[in-house]
Each structure stands twice: as C-alpha cells, then as structure tokens.
N, C-alpha and C. Protein backbone atom coordinates (compact mmCIF):
# COMPACT_ATOMS: atom_id res chain seq x y z
N MET A 1 0.95 -1.33 0.18
CA MET A 1 -0.11 0.10 0.08
C MET A 1 0.80 1.14 -0.07
N VAL A 2 1.99 1.38 0.77
CA VAL A 2 2.69 2.40 0.88
C VAL A 2 3.65 2.64 -0.71
N ALA A 3 3.75 1.30 -1.13
CA ALA A 3 4.58 1.59 -2.35
C ALA A 3 3.76 2.17 -3.46
N ALA A 4 2.49 1.90 -3.38
CA ALA A 4 1.42 2.31 -4.23
C ALA A 4 1.19 3.83 -4.21
N LEU A 5 1.07 4.13 -2.91
CA LEU A 5 0.99 5.76 -2.41
C LEU A 5 2.13 6.27 -3.10
N GLU A 6 3.42 5.94 -2.67
CA GLU A 6 4.75 6.61 -3.30
C GLU A 6 4.60 6.46 -4.71
N ARG A 7 4.33 5.54 -5.26
CA ARG A 7 4.31 5.96 -6.98
C ARG A 7 3.26 7.14 -7.18
N ASP A 8 2.16 6.81 -6.59
CA ASP A 8 1.39 7.72 -7.14
C ASP A 8 1.79 9.12 -7.00
N VAL A 9 2.38 9.55 -5.74
CA VAL A 9 2.90 10.82 -5.47
C VAL A 9 4.23 11.12 -6.73
N SER A 10 4.88 9.98 -6.89
CA SER A 10 5.82 9.91 -8.03
C SER A 10 5.56 10.59 -9.31
N GLU A 11 4.23 9.95 -9.66
CA GLU A 11 3.61 10.08 -10.78
C GLU A 11 2.86 11.53 -11.18
N HIS A 12 2.40 11.79 -9.69
CA HIS A 12 1.68 13.42 -9.71
C HIS A 12 2.90 14.72 -9.62
N ARG A 13 3.97 14.17 -9.33
CA ARG A 13 4.95 15.14 -9.04
C ARG A 13 5.53 15.41 -10.91
N LEU A 14 5.58 14.30 -11.15
CA LEU A 14 6.26 14.12 -12.78
C LEU A 14 5.16 14.89 -13.79
N ARG A 15 3.66 14.53 -13.51
CA ARG A 15 2.78 15.36 -14.20
C ARG A 15 2.73 16.42 -14.14
N ARG A 16 2.99 17.32 -12.68
CA ARG A 16 2.81 18.69 -12.70
C ARG A 16 4.10 19.27 -13.09
N LEU A 17 5.19 18.57 -13.22
CA LEU A 17 6.38 19.36 -13.71
C LEU A 17 6.19 19.47 -15.05
N GLN A 18 5.50 18.44 -15.96
CA GLN A 18 5.50 18.43 -17.54
C GLN A 18 4.45 19.47 -17.76
N LEU A 19 3.42 19.62 -17.06
CA LEU A 19 2.27 20.77 -17.17
C LEU A 19 3.07 22.06 -16.87
N GLN A 20 3.86 22.17 -15.87
CA GLN A 20 4.46 23.22 -15.96
C GLN A 20 5.33 23.97 -16.52
N ARG A 21 6.14 23.00 -17.36
CA ARG A 21 6.80 23.36 -18.64
C ARG A 21 6.14 23.93 -19.89
N SER A 22 4.89 22.82 -20.05
CA SER A 22 3.98 23.37 -21.11
C SER A 22 3.43 24.63 -21.04
N ASN A 23 3.11 25.21 -19.87
CA ASN A 23 2.59 26.25 -19.49
C ASN A 23 3.55 27.38 -19.73
N GLU A 24 4.85 27.15 -19.35
CA GLU A 24 5.71 28.07 -19.52
C GLU A 24 6.10 28.17 -21.03
N ALA A 25 6.04 27.36 -21.81
CA ALA A 25 6.41 27.17 -23.12
C ALA A 25 5.12 27.94 -23.60
N LEU A 26 3.96 27.73 -23.39
CA LEU A 26 2.70 28.53 -24.06
C LEU A 26 2.87 30.09 -23.78
N ARG A 27 3.08 30.42 -22.82
CA ARG A 27 3.38 31.67 -22.40
C ARG A 27 4.35 32.36 -22.93
N GLU A 28 5.57 31.81 -23.11
CA GLU A 28 6.63 32.21 -24.10
C GLU A 28 5.89 32.43 -25.64
N MET A 29 5.61 31.30 -26.39
CA MET A 29 4.85 31.61 -27.31
C MET A 29 3.81 32.70 -27.43
N LEU A 30 3.08 32.92 -26.78
CA LEU A 30 2.14 33.76 -26.76
C LEU A 30 2.89 35.27 -26.69
N ARG A 31 3.74 35.34 -25.87
CA ARG A 31 4.16 36.41 -25.59
C ARG A 31 5.23 36.83 -27.09
N ALA A 32 5.79 35.86 -27.62
CA ALA A 32 6.52 36.21 -28.99
C ALA A 32 5.72 36.76 -29.96
N HIS A 33 4.49 35.76 -29.90
CA HIS A 33 3.52 36.17 -31.22
C HIS A 33 2.80 37.38 -30.94
N HIS A 34 2.54 37.84 -29.86
CA HIS A 34 1.65 38.94 -29.57
C HIS A 34 2.36 40.02 -29.14
N GLY A 35 3.52 39.88 -28.97
CA GLY A 35 4.40 40.93 -28.53
C GLY A 35 3.90 41.86 -27.20
N VAL A 36 3.24 40.73 -26.33
CA VAL A 36 2.74 41.49 -25.25
C VAL A 36 3.58 41.23 -23.91
N PRO A 37 3.76 42.23 -23.36
CA PRO A 37 4.69 42.23 -22.10
C PRO A 37 3.95 41.30 -21.01
N GLY A 38 4.77 40.58 -20.31
CA GLY A 38 4.03 39.86 -19.45
C GLY A 38 5.13 39.74 -18.28
N PRO A 39 4.65 38.83 -16.88
CA PRO A 39 5.36 38.81 -16.15
C PRO A 39 6.72 37.59 -16.43
N PRO A 40 7.59 37.60 -15.63
CA PRO A 40 8.77 36.75 -15.90
C PRO A 40 8.04 35.28 -15.29
N VAL A 41 8.45 34.36 -16.08
CA VAL A 41 7.77 32.89 -16.05
C VAL A 41 7.93 32.42 -14.48
N GLY A 42 6.97 32.25 -13.85
CA GLY A 42 7.42 31.60 -12.23
C GLY A 42 7.46 32.74 -11.20
N ASN A 43 6.67 33.82 -11.90
CA ASN A 43 6.81 34.94 -10.69
C ASN A 43 5.50 35.45 -10.47
N PRO A 44 4.81 34.91 -9.97
CA PRO A 44 3.04 35.60 -10.06
C PRO A 44 2.98 36.62 -9.41
N SER A 45 4.00 36.79 -8.46
CA SER A 45 3.65 38.42 -8.02
C SER A 45 3.82 39.34 -8.92
N ALA A 46 4.63 39.06 -10.02
CA ALA A 46 4.94 40.32 -11.07
C ALA A 46 3.51 40.50 -11.82
N LEU A 47 2.58 39.45 -11.85
CA LEU A 47 1.22 39.86 -12.40
C LEU A 47 0.60 40.89 -11.67
N VAL A 48 0.78 40.97 -10.50
CA VAL A 48 0.01 42.28 -9.58
C VAL A 48 0.61 43.16 -9.62
N GLY A 49 1.90 43.49 -10.01
CA GLY A 49 2.29 44.94 -10.35
C GLY A 49 1.94 45.26 -11.81
N LEU A 50 1.67 44.30 -12.66
CA LEU A 50 1.36 44.80 -14.06
C LEU A 50 -0.28 45.14 -13.86
N ARG A 51 -1.12 44.48 -13.25
CA ARG A 51 -2.38 44.84 -13.14
C ARG A 51 -2.55 46.08 -12.55
N ARG A 52 -1.93 46.28 -11.44
CA ARG A 52 -1.48 47.46 -10.68
C ARG A 52 -1.44 48.58 -11.62
N ASP A 53 -0.40 48.50 -12.83
CA ASP A 53 0.13 49.56 -13.47
C ASP A 53 -0.83 49.73 -14.51
N SER A 54 -1.54 48.74 -14.92
CA SER A 54 -2.56 48.81 -16.04
C SER A 54 -3.77 49.50 -15.70
N ILE A 55 -4.05 49.70 -14.48
CA ILE A 55 -5.24 50.49 -13.71
C ILE A 55 -5.08 51.75 -14.01
N GLY A 56 -4.00 52.40 -13.79
CA GLY A 56 -3.44 53.58 -13.95
C GLY A 56 -3.20 54.44 -12.69
C-alpha cells in the first residue's frame, strides 16, 4: 500500500512538472507571437504589479 502511494506521488510530481513546462512554453509563445509584455515565468507576484500599472 505504501509503495503504491509513493508511486502515485511520484507520478503526480512528474505530471505537474510536465504541465508546468508546457504552461511556460505556451506563455513564451504567446508573448513572442503577440508582443505582449508579461511577467517573468514562475513569478506570479509580477502579475500583481502589471495589473496595478494597467489600472493607472
């Protein structure tokens, strides 16, 4: 039972990393395609600054 749980955790971590990498690649493609400035990848606090600046 413990081995099965450890395997599940390992698979979950791997899948999360794969999704994170895909998400980062898509963000980069969108930025390059649209020329839209965005936050550095992996820095969600930068989003707050962008939103605050865009409000005026």
